[in-house]
PDB file of N, CA and C in Angstrom:
ATOM      1  N   UNK A   1       1.518 -19.811 -13.153  1.00  0.00           N
ATOM      2  CA  UNK A   1       0.642 -20.442 -14.119  1.00  0.00           C
ATOM      3  C   UNK A   1      -0.634 -20.895 -13.420  1.00  0.00           C
ATOM      4  N   UNK A   2      -1.728 -20.852 -14.131  1.00  0.00           N
ATOM      5  CA  UNK A   2      -2.981 -21.311 -13.538  1.00  0.00           C
ATOM      6  C   UNK A   2      -3.566 -22.431 -14.381  1.00  0.00           C
ATOM      7  N   UNK A   3      -4.428 -23.215 -13.769  1.00  0.00           N
ATOM      8  CA  UNK A   3      -5.087 -24.296 -14.501  1.00  0.00           C
ATOM      9  C   UNK A   3      -6.328 -23.753 -15.212  1.00  0.00           C
ATOM     10  N   UNK A   4      -7.084 -24.640 -15.831  1.00  0.00           N
ATOM     11  CA  UNK A   4      -8.257 -24.217 -16.614  1.00  0.00           C
ATOM     12  C   UNK A   4      -9.351 -23.567 -15.768  1.00  0.00           C
ATOM     13  N   UNK A   5      -9.303 -23.756 -14.436  1.00  0.00           N
ATOM     14  CA  UNK A   5     -10.299 -23.132 -13.564  1.00  0.00           C
ATOM     15  C   UNK A   5      -9.860 -21.736 -13.124  1.00  0.00           C
ATOM     16  N   UNK A   6      -8.642 -21.351 -13.491  1.00  0.00           N
ATOM     17  CA  UNK A   6      -8.130 -20.047 -13.097  1.00  0.00           C
ATOM     18  C   UNK A   6      -7.437 -20.046 -11.745  1.00  0.00           C
ATOM     19  N   UNK A   7      -7.276 -21.233 -11.136  1.00  0.00           N
ATOM     20  CA  UNK A   7      -6.597 -21.338  -9.853  1.00  0.00           C
ATOM     21  C   UNK A   7      -5.088 -21.259 -10.085  1.00  0.00           C
ATOM     22  N   UNK A   8      -4.428 -20.397  -9.350  1.00  0.00           N
ATOM     23  CA  UNK A   8      -2.978 -20.237  -9.473  1.00  0.00           C
ATOM     24  C   UNK A   8      -2.305 -21.415  -8.784  1.00  0.00           C
ATOM     25  N   UNK A   9      -1.438 -22.098  -9.534  1.00  0.00           N
ATOM     26  CA  UNK A   9      -0.755 -23.284  -9.004  1.00  0.00           C
ATOM     27  C   UNK A   9       0.132 -22.962  -7.802  1.00  0.00           C
ATOM     28  N   UNK A  10       0.912 -21.907  -7.907  1.00  0.00           N
ATOM     29  CA  UNK A  10       1.833 -21.534  -6.846  1.00  0.00           C
ATOM     30  C   UNK A  10       1.640 -20.038  -6.555  1.00  0.00           C
ATOM     31  N   UNK A  11       0.715 -19.708  -5.654  1.00  0.00           N
ATOM     32  CA  UNK A  11       0.409 -18.296  -5.407  1.00  0.00           C
ATOM     33  C   UNK A  11       1.623 -17.458  -4.988  1.00  0.00           C
ATOM     34  N   UNK A  12       2.491 -17.997  -4.138  1.00  0.00           N
ATOM     35  CA  UNK A  12       3.645 -17.219  -3.689  1.00  0.00           C
ATOM     36  C   UNK A  12       4.551 -16.866  -4.863  1.00  0.00           C
ATOM     37  N   UNK A  13       4.820 -17.821  -5.708  1.00  0.00           N
ATOM     38  CA  UNK A  13       5.662 -17.582  -6.881  1.00  0.00           C
ATOM     39  C   UNK A  13       4.988 -16.590  -7.837  1.00  0.00           C
ATOM     40  N   UNK A  14       3.708 -16.784  -8.082  1.00  0.00           N
ATOM     41  CA  UNK A  14       2.971 -15.903  -8.980  1.00  0.00           C
ATOM     42  C   UNK A  14       2.998 -14.459  -8.494  1.00  0.00           C
ATOM     43  N   UNK A  15       2.624 -14.228  -7.215  1.00  0.00           N
ATOM     44  CA  UNK A  15       2.523 -12.871  -6.692  1.00  0.00           C
ATOM     45  C   UNK A  15       3.892 -12.240  -6.466  1.00  0.00           C
ATOM     46  N   UNK A  16       4.903 -13.066  -6.219  1.00  0.00           N
ATOM     47  CA  UNK A  16       6.272 -12.535  -6.147  1.00  0.00           C
ATOM     48  C   UNK A  16       6.676 -11.970  -7.501  1.00  0.00           C
ATOM     49  N   UNK A  17       6.372 -12.683  -8.570  1.00  0.00           N
ATOM     50  CA  UNK A  17       6.690 -12.193  -9.915  1.00  0.00           C
ATOM     51  C   UNK A  17       5.927 -10.910 -10.233  1.00  0.00           C
ATOM     52  N   UNK A  18       4.661 -10.839  -9.833  1.00  0.00           N
ATOM     53  CA  UNK A  18       3.867  -9.619 -10.050  1.00  0.00           C
ATOM     54  C   UNK A  18       4.493  -8.457  -9.278  1.00  0.00           C
ATOM     55  N   UNK A  19       4.847  -8.681  -8.008  1.00  0.00           N
ATOM     56  CA  UNK A  19       5.463  -7.638  -7.192  1.00  0.00           C
ATOM     57  C   UNK A  19       6.799  -7.201  -7.785  1.00  0.00           C
ATOM     58  N   UNK A  20       7.587  -8.161  -8.239  1.00  0.00           N
ATOM     59  CA  UNK A  20       8.882  -7.821  -8.836  1.00  0.00           C
ATOM     60  C   UNK A  20       8.711  -6.981 -10.092  1.00  0.00           C
ATOM     61  N   UNK A  21       7.772  -7.353 -10.943  1.00  0.00           N
ATOM     62  CA  UNK A  21       7.589  -6.608 -12.191  1.00  0.00           C
ATOM     63  C   UNK A  21       7.046  -5.208 -11.927  1.00  0.00           C
ATOM     64  N   UNK A  22       6.343  -5.037 -10.813  1.00  0.00           N
ATOM     65  CA  UNK A  22       5.802  -3.732 -10.448  1.00  0.00           C
ATOM     66  C   UNK A  22       6.847  -2.853  -9.769  1.00  0.00           C
ATOM     67  N   UNK A  23       7.732  -3.433  -8.952  1.00  0.00           N
ATOM     68  CA  UNK A  23       8.581  -2.644  -8.070  1.00  0.00           C
ATOM     69  C   UNK A  23      10.074  -2.656  -8.368  1.00  0.00           C
ATOM     70  N   UNK A  24      10.618  -3.779  -8.828  1.00  0.00           N
ATOM     71  CA  UNK A  24      12.071  -3.862  -8.999  1.00  0.00           C
ATOM     72  C   UNK A  24      12.538  -2.874 -10.070  1.00  0.00           C
ATOM     73  N   UNK A  25      13.554  -2.095  -9.703  1.00  0.00           N
ATOM     74  CA  UNK A  25      14.112  -1.108 -10.615  1.00  0.00           C
ATOM     75  C   UNK A  25      13.410   0.241 -10.589  1.00  0.00           C
ATOM     76  N   UNK A  26      12.305   0.328  -9.900  1.00  0.00           N
ATOM     77  CA  UNK A  26      11.573   1.590  -9.801  1.00  0.00           C
ATOM     78  C   UNK A  26      12.245   2.467  -8.758  1.00  0.00           C
ATOM     79  N   UNK A  27      12.018   3.747  -8.860  1.00  0.00           N
ATOM     80  CA  UNK A  27      12.535   4.710  -7.902  1.00  0.00           C
ATOM     81  C   UNK A  27      11.351   5.388  -7.216  1.00  0.00           C
ATOM     82  N   UNK A  28      11.425   5.509  -5.896  1.00  0.00           N
ATOM     83  CA  UNK A  28      10.398   6.240  -5.162  1.00  0.00           C
ATOM     84  C   UNK A  28      10.719   7.725  -5.319  1.00  0.00           C
ATOM     85  N   UNK A  29       9.795   8.464  -5.918  1.00  0.00           N
ATOM     86  CA  UNK A  29      10.031   9.889  -6.167  1.00  0.00           C
ATOM     87  C   UNK A  29       9.194  10.779  -5.250  1.00  0.00           C
ATOM     88  N   UNK A  30       8.291  10.199  -4.485  1.00  0.00           N
ATOM     89  CA  UNK A  30       7.474  10.963  -3.552  1.00  0.00           C
ATOM     90  C   UNK A  30       6.909  10.063  -2.478  1.00  0.00           C
ATOM     91  N   UNK A  31       6.752  10.622  -1.293  1.00  0.00           N
ATOM     92  CA  UNK A  31       6.159   9.898  -0.163  1.00  0.00           C
ATOM     93  C   UNK A  31       5.224  10.874   0.553  1.00  0.00           C
ATOM     94  N   UNK A  32       4.010  10.426   0.824  1.00  0.00           N
ATOM     95  CA  UNK A  32       3.030  11.262   1.507  1.00  0.00           C
ATOM     96  C   UNK A  32       1.969  10.347   2.108  1.00  0.00           C
ATOM     97  N   UNK A  33       1.029  10.911   2.814  1.00  0.00           N
ATOM     98  CA  UNK A  33      -0.113  10.142   3.277  1.00  0.00           C
ATOM     99  C   UNK A  33      -1.292  10.409   2.342  1.00  0.00           C
ATOM    100  N   UNK A  34      -2.210   9.471   2.269  1.00  0.00           N
ATOM    101  CA  UNK A  34      -3.398   9.627   1.430  1.00  0.00           C
ATOM    102  C   UNK A  34      -4.121  10.935   1.745  1.00  0.00           C
ATOM    103  N   UNK A  35      -4.613  11.582   0.718  1.00  0.00           N
ATOM    104  CA  UNK A  35      -5.367  12.830   0.879  1.00  0.00           C
ATOM    105  C   UNK A  35      -6.799  12.538   1.321  1.00  0.00           C
ATOM    106  N   UNK A  36      -7.511  13.593   1.748  1.00  0.00           N
ATOM    107  CA  UNK A  36      -8.931  13.449   2.101  1.00  0.00           C
ATOM    108  C   UNK A  36      -9.709  12.827   0.951  1.00  0.00           C
ATOM    109  N   UNK A  37      -9.472  13.331  -0.245  1.00  0.00           N
ATOM    110  CA  UNK A  37     -10.185  12.845  -1.435  1.00  0.00           C
ATOM    111  C   UNK A  37      -9.899  11.366  -1.698  1.00  0.00           C
ATOM    112  N   UNK A  38      -8.640  10.962  -1.583  1.00  0.00           N
ATOM    113  CA  UNK A  38      -8.281   9.565  -1.811  1.00  0.00           C
ATOM    114  C   UNK A  38      -8.902   8.647  -0.766  1.00  0.00           C
ATOM    115  N   UNK A  39      -8.880   9.075   0.505  1.00  0.00           N
ATOM    116  CA  UNK A  39      -9.485   8.276   1.576  1.00  0.00           C
ATOM    117  C   UNK A  39     -10.972   8.100   1.314  1.00  0.00           C
ATOM    118  N   UNK A  40     -11.635   9.185   0.939  1.00  0.00           N
ATOM    119  CA  UNK A  40     -13.074   9.133   0.660  1.00  0.00           C
ATOM    120  C   UNK A  40     -13.373   8.217  -0.523  1.00  0.00           C
ATOM    121  N   UNK A  41     -12.582   8.328  -1.586  1.00  0.00           N
ATOM    122  CA  UNK A  41     -12.790   7.507  -2.778  1.00  0.00           C
ATOM    123  C   UNK A  41     -12.608   6.019  -2.464  1.00  0.00           C
ATOM    124  N   UNK A  42     -11.680   5.707  -1.575  1.00  0.00           N
ATOM    125  CA  UNK A  42     -11.454   4.319  -1.190  1.00  0.00           C
ATOM    126  C   UNK A  42     -12.509   3.811  -0.202  1.00  0.00           C
ATOM    127  N   UNK A  43     -13.263   4.733   0.390  1.00  0.00           N
ATOM    128  CA  UNK A  43     -14.265   4.338   1.380  1.00  0.00           C
ATOM    129  C   UNK A  43     -13.641   3.991   2.717  1.00  0.00           C
ATOM    130  N   UNK A  44     -12.469   4.558   2.989  1.00  0.00           N
ATOM    131  CA  UNK A  44     -11.733   4.254   4.210  1.00  0.00           C
ATOM    132  C   UNK A  44     -11.993   5.296   5.279  1.00  0.00           C
ATOM    133  N   UNK A  45     -11.591   4.979   6.520  1.00  0.00           N
ATOM    134  CA  UNK A  45     -11.668   5.934   7.622  1.00  0.00           C
ATOM    135  C   UNK A  45     -10.283   6.267   8.155  1.00  0.00           C
ATOM    136  N   UNK A  46      -9.253   5.665   7.591  1.00  0.00           N
ATOM    137  CA  UNK A  46      -7.875   5.857   8.040  1.00  0.00           C
ATOM    138  C   UNK A  46      -6.976   6.146   6.841  1.00  0.00           C
ATOM    139  N   UNK A  47      -5.793   6.655   7.135  1.00  0.00           N
ATOM    140  CA  UNK A  47      -4.830   7.003   6.085  1.00  0.00           C
ATOM    141  C   UNK A  47      -3.580   6.142   6.176  1.00  0.00           C
ATOM    142  N   UNK A  48      -3.071   5.750   5.030  1.00  0.00           N
ATOM    143  CA  UNK A  48      -1.789   5.048   4.993  1.00  0.00           C
ATOM    144  C   UNK A  48      -0.808   5.885   4.188  1.00  0.00           C
ATOM    145  N   UNK A  49       0.456   5.582   4.374  1.00  0.00           N
ATOM    146  CA  UNK A  49       1.490   6.226   3.584  1.00  0.00           C
ATOM    147  C   UNK A  49       1.327   5.775   2.133  1.00  0.00           C
ATOM    148  N   UNK A  50       1.707   6.633   1.204  1.00  0.00           N
ATOM    149  CA  UNK A  50       1.604   6.295  -0.209  1.00  0.00           C
ATOM    150  C   UNK A  50       2.943   6.638  -0.869  1.00  0.00           C
ATOM    151  N   UNK A  51       3.439   5.721  -1.684  1.00  0.00           N
ATOM    152  CA  UNK A  51       4.694   5.909  -2.408  1.00  0.00           C
ATOM    153  C   UNK A  51       4.380   6.227  -3.857  1.00  0.00           C
ATOM    154  N   UNK A  52       4.982   7.278  -4.370  1.00  0.00           N
ATOM    155  CA  UNK A  52       4.840   7.647  -5.776  1.00  0.00           C
ATOM    156  C   UNK A  52       6.104   7.164  -6.495  1.00  0.00           C
ATOM    157  N   UNK A  53       5.931   6.321  -7.513  1.00  0.00           N
ATOM    158  CA  UNK A  53       7.063   5.767  -8.245  1.00  0.00           C
ATOM    159  C   UNK A  53       7.367   6.595  -9.491  1.00  0.00           C
ATOM    160  N   UNK A  54       8.563   6.398 -10.016  1.00  0.00           N
ATOM    161  CA  UNK A  54       9.021   7.177 -11.160  1.00  0.00           C
ATOM    162  C   UNK A  54       8.235   6.931 -12.447  1.00  0.00           C
ATOM    163  N   UNK A  55       7.441   5.893 -12.475  1.00  0.00           N
ATOM    164  CA  UNK A  55       6.623   5.617 -13.662  1.00  0.00           C
ATOM    165  C   UNK A  55       5.176   6.098 -13.492  1.00  0.00           C
ATOM    166  N   UNK A  56       4.921   6.834 -12.389  1.00  0.00           N
ATOM    167  CA  UNK A  56       3.577   7.348 -12.130  1.00  0.00           C
ATOM    168  C   UNK A  56       2.705   6.431 -11.296  1.00  0.00           C
ATOM    169  N   UNK A  57       3.163   5.223 -11.041  1.00  0.00           N
ATOM    170  CA  UNK A  57       2.409   4.259 -10.241  1.00  0.00           C
ATOM    171  C   UNK A  57       2.392   4.710  -8.783  1.00  0.00           C
ATOM    172  N   UNK A  58       1.257   4.538  -8.126  1.00  0.00           N
ATOM    173  CA  UNK A  58       1.120   4.801  -6.702  1.00  0.00           C
ATOM    174  C   UNK A  58       0.997   3.471  -5.973  1.00  0.00           C
ATOM    175  N   UNK A  59       1.671   3.345  -4.837  1.00  0.00           N
ATOM    176  CA  UNK A  59       1.663   2.107  -4.065  1.00  0.00           C
ATOM    177  C   UNK A  59       1.368   2.460  -2.609  1.00  0.00           C
ATOM    178  N   UNK A  60       0.365   1.766  -2.018  1.00  0.00           N
ATOM    179  CA  UNK A  60       0.042   2.003  -0.614  1.00  0.00           C
ATOM    180  C   UNK A  60      -0.456   0.717   0.009  1.00  0.00           C
ATOM    181  N   UNK A  61      -0.273   0.573   1.314  1.00  0.00           N
ATOM    182  CA  UNK A  61      -0.715  -0.646   1.994  1.00  0.00           C
ATOM    183  C   UNK A  61      -2.188  -0.581   2.397  1.00  0.00           C
ATOM    184  N   UNK A  62      -2.791  -1.739   2.412  1.00  0.00           N
ATOM    185  CA  UNK A  62      -4.160  -1.909   2.882  1.00  0.00           C
ATOM    186  C   UNK A  62      -4.142  -2.929   4.010  1.00  0.00           C
ATOM    187  N   UNK A  63      -5.125  -2.851   4.873  1.00  0.00           N
ATOM    188  CA  UNK A  63      -5.182  -3.780   6.000  1.00  0.00           C
ATOM    189  C   UNK A  63      -5.421  -5.229   5.564  1.00  0.00           C
ATOM    190  N   UNK A  64      -5.952  -5.414   4.340  1.00  0.00           N
ATOM    191  CA  UNK A  64      -6.208  -6.765   3.845  1.00  0.00           C
ATOM    192  C   UNK A  64      -6.317  -6.748   2.315  1.00  0.00           C
ATOM    193  N   UNK A  65      -6.442  -7.920   1.734  1.00  0.00           N
ATOM    194  CA  UNK A  65      -6.514  -8.057   0.269  1.00  0.00           C
ATOM    195  C   UNK A  65      -7.752  -7.395  -0.331  1.00  0.00           C
ATOM    196  N   UNK A  66      -8.778  -7.208   0.467  1.00  0.00           N
ATOM    197  CA  UNK A  66     -10.023  -6.637  -0.038  1.00  0.00           C
ATOM    198  C   UNK A  66     -10.025  -5.112  -0.011  1.00  0.00           C
ATOM    199  N   UNK A  67      -8.986  -4.503   0.540  1.00  0.00           N
ATOM    200  CA  UNK A  67      -8.911  -3.049   0.588  1.00  0.00           C
ATOM    201  C   UNK A  67      -9.896  -2.413   1.547  1.00  0.00           C
ATOM    202  N   UNK A  68     -10.089  -3.034   2.722  1.00  0.00           N
ATOM    203  CA  UNK A  68     -11.083  -2.541   3.668  1.00  0.00           C
ATOM    204  C   UNK A  68     -10.680  -1.296   4.440  1.00  0.00           C
ATOM    205  N   UNK A  69      -9.407  -1.022   4.574  1.00  0.00           N
ATOM    206  CA  UNK A  69      -8.933   0.205   5.223  1.00  0.00           C
ATOM    207  C   UNK A  69      -7.417   0.253   5.103  1.00  0.00           C
ATOM    208  N   UNK A  70      -6.843   1.324   5.616  1.00  0.00           N
ATOM    209  CA  UNK A  70      -5.409   1.568   5.496  1.00  0.00           C
ATOM    210  C   UNK A  70      -4.590   0.549   6.276  1.00  0.00           C
ATOM    211  N   UNK A  71      -3.347   0.361   5.853  1.00  0.00           N
ATOM    212  CA  UNK A  71      -2.433  -0.549   6.519  1.00  0.00           C
ATOM    213  C   UNK A  71      -1.112   0.127   6.846  1.00  0.00           C
ATOM    214  N   UNK A  72      -0.433  -0.384   7.855  1.00  0.00           N
ATOM    215  CA  UNK A  72       0.877   0.113   8.270  1.00  0.00           C
ATOM    216  C   UNK A  72       1.967  -0.611   7.486  1.00  0.00           C
ATOM    217  N   UNK A  73       3.156  -0.006   7.485  1.00  0.00           N
ATOM    218  CA  UNK A  73       4.335  -0.652   6.894  1.00  0.00           C
ATOM    219  C   UNK A  73       5.409  -0.728   7.963  1.00  0.00           C
ATOM    220  N   UNK A  74       5.953  -1.907   8.154  1.00  0.00           N
ATOM    221  CA  UNK A  74       7.049  -2.103   9.093  1.00  0.00           C
ATOM    222  C   UNK A  74       8.358  -2.045   8.325  1.00  0.00           C
ATOM    223  N   UNK A  75       9.376  -1.465   8.954  1.00  0.00           N
ATOM    224  CA  UNK A  75      10.691  -1.355   8.328  1.00  0.00           C
ATOM    225  C   UNK A  75      11.763  -1.887   9.282  1.00  0.00           C
ATOM    226  N   UNK A  76      12.962  -2.006   8.766  1.00  0.00           N
ATOM    227  CA  UNK A  76      14.101  -2.361   9.612  1.00  0.00           C
ATOM    228  C   UNK A  76      14.948  -1.131   9.919  1.00  0.00           C
ATOM    229  N   UNK A  77      14.460   0.044   9.544  1.00  0.00           N
ATOM    230  CA  UNK A  77      15.176   1.284   9.808  1.00  0.00           C
ATOM    231  C   UNK A  77      15.239   1.537  11.301  1.00  0.00           C
ATOM    232  N   UNK A  78      16.417   1.828  11.811  1.00  0.00           N
ATOM    233  CA  UNK A  78      16.592   1.990  13.258  1.00  0.00           C
ATOM    234  C   UNK A  78      15.968   3.284  13.801  1.00  0.00           C
ATOM    235  N   UNK A  79      15.625   4.215  12.923  1.00  0.00           N
ATOM    236  CA  UNK A  79      15.064   5.491  13.368  1.00  0.00           C
ATOM    237  C   UNK A  79      13.536   5.513  13.358  1.00  0.00           C
ATOM    238  N   UNK A  80      12.930   4.587  12.709  1.00  0.00           N
ATOM    239  CA  UNK A  80      11.467   4.547  12.646  1.00  0.00           C
ATOM    240  C   UNK A  80      11.020   3.201  12.130  1.00  0.00           C
ATOM    241  N   UNK A  81      10.642   2.340  13.011  1.00  0.00           N
ATOM    242  CA  UNK A  81      10.327   0.961  12.630  1.00  0.00           C
ATOM    243  C   UNK A  81       8.999   0.798  11.924  1.00  0.00           C
ATOM    244  N   UNK A  82       8.079   1.735  12.108  1.00  0.00           N
ATOM    245  CA  UNK A  82       6.745   1.587  11.542  1.00  0.00           C
ATOM    246  C   UNK A  82       6.309   2.889  10.878  1.00  0.00           C
ATOM    247  N   UNK A  83       5.746   2.775   9.696  1.00  0.00           N
ATOM    248  CA  UNK A  83       5.044   3.892   9.057  1.00  0.00           C
ATOM    249  C   UNK A  83       3.583   3.627   9.355  1.00  0.00           C
ATOM    250  N   UNK A  84       3.013   4.332  10.339  1.00  0.00           N
ATOM    251  CA  UNK A  84       1.717   3.953  10.898  1.00  0.00           C
ATOM    252  C   UNK A  84       0.521   4.369  10.051  1.00  0.00           C
ATOM    253  N   UNK A  85      -0.591   3.795  10.417  1.00  0.00           N
ATOM    254  CA  UNK A  85      -1.893   4.215   9.926  1.00  0.00           C
ATOM    255  C   UNK A  85      -2.280   5.445  10.741  1.00  0.00           C
ATOM    256  N   UNK A  86      -2.826   6.455  10.078  1.00  0.00           N
ATOM    257  CA  UNK A  86      -3.359   7.618  10.786  1.00  0.00           C
ATOM    258  C   UNK A  86      -4.867   7.455  10.808  1.00  0.00           C
ATOM    259  N   UNK A  87      -5.394   7.255  11.984  1.00  0.00           N
ATOM    260  CA  UNK A  87      -6.836   7.087  12.147  1.00  0.00           C
ATOM    261  C   UNK A  87      -7.520   8.433  11.957  1.00  0.00           C
ATOM    262  N   UNK A  88      -8.706   8.445  11.439  1.00  0.00           N
ATOM    263  CA  UNK A  88      -9.407   9.693  11.130  1.00  0.00           C
ATOM    264  C   UNK A  88      -9.554  10.579  12.363  1.00  0.00           C
ATOM    265  N   UNK A  89      -9.796   9.993  13.534  1.00  0.00           N
ATOM    266  CA  UNK A  89      -9.922  10.783  14.757  1.00  0.00           C
ATOM    267  C   UNK A  89      -8.615  11.493  15.058  1.00  0.00           C
ATOM    268  N   UNK A  90      -7.472  10.816  14.855  1.00  0.00           N
ATOM    269  CA  UNK A  90      -6.175  11.449  15.069  1.00  0.00           C
ATOM    270  C   UNK A  90      -5.994  12.594  14.092  1.00  0.00           C
ATOM    271  N   UNK A  91      -6.377  12.349  12.833  1.00  0.00           N
ATOM    272  CA  UNK A  91      -6.237  13.364  11.792  1.00  0.00           C
ATOM    273  C   UNK A  91      -7.098  14.589  12.110  1.00  0.00           C
ATOM    274  N   UNK A  92      -8.311  14.373  12.589  1.00  0.00           N
ATOM    275  CA  UNK A  92      -9.211  15.466  12.925  1.00  0.00           C
ATOM    276  C   UNK A  92      -8.623  16.354  14.018  1.00  0.00           C
ATOM    277  N   UNK A  93      -7.922  15.752  14.990  1.00  0.00           N
ATOM    278  CA  UNK A  93      -7.358  16.539  16.074  1.00  0.00           C
ATOM    279  C   UNK A  93      -6.181  17.386  15.621  1.00  0.00           C
ATOM    280  N   UNK A  94      -5.610  17.087  14.452  1.00  0.00           N
ATOM    281  CA  UNK A  94      -4.490  17.853  13.924  1.00  0.00           C
ATOM    282  C   UNK A  94      -4.963  19.125  13.220  1.00  0.00           C
ATOM    283  N   UNK A  95      -6.247  19.228  12.925  1.00  0.00           N
ATOM    284  CA  UNK A  95      -6.761  20.383  12.169  1.00  0.00           C
ATOM    285  C   UNK A  95      -6.902  21.597  13.045  1.00  0.00           C
TER     286      UNK A  95
END
């Protein structure tokens, strides 16, 4: 809930509810890294992993709330703890 100024009273509770309504019960139906076109449209120089959900929603990490560039995802999976950012220079060397 927010007051008359639009300030959220309890940001953690508010954003947890938003995240839950977006993600809980959804199924990840695709996983890939951002395409050249998507990176360019975002104005980024790096790529992050992107999850495609069963409702058509796309979810990807950013380095900050302002969407300034790609972000990594840390996991507890014993085979791969981090889904890294691919820097453009790294990507260029793969071509």
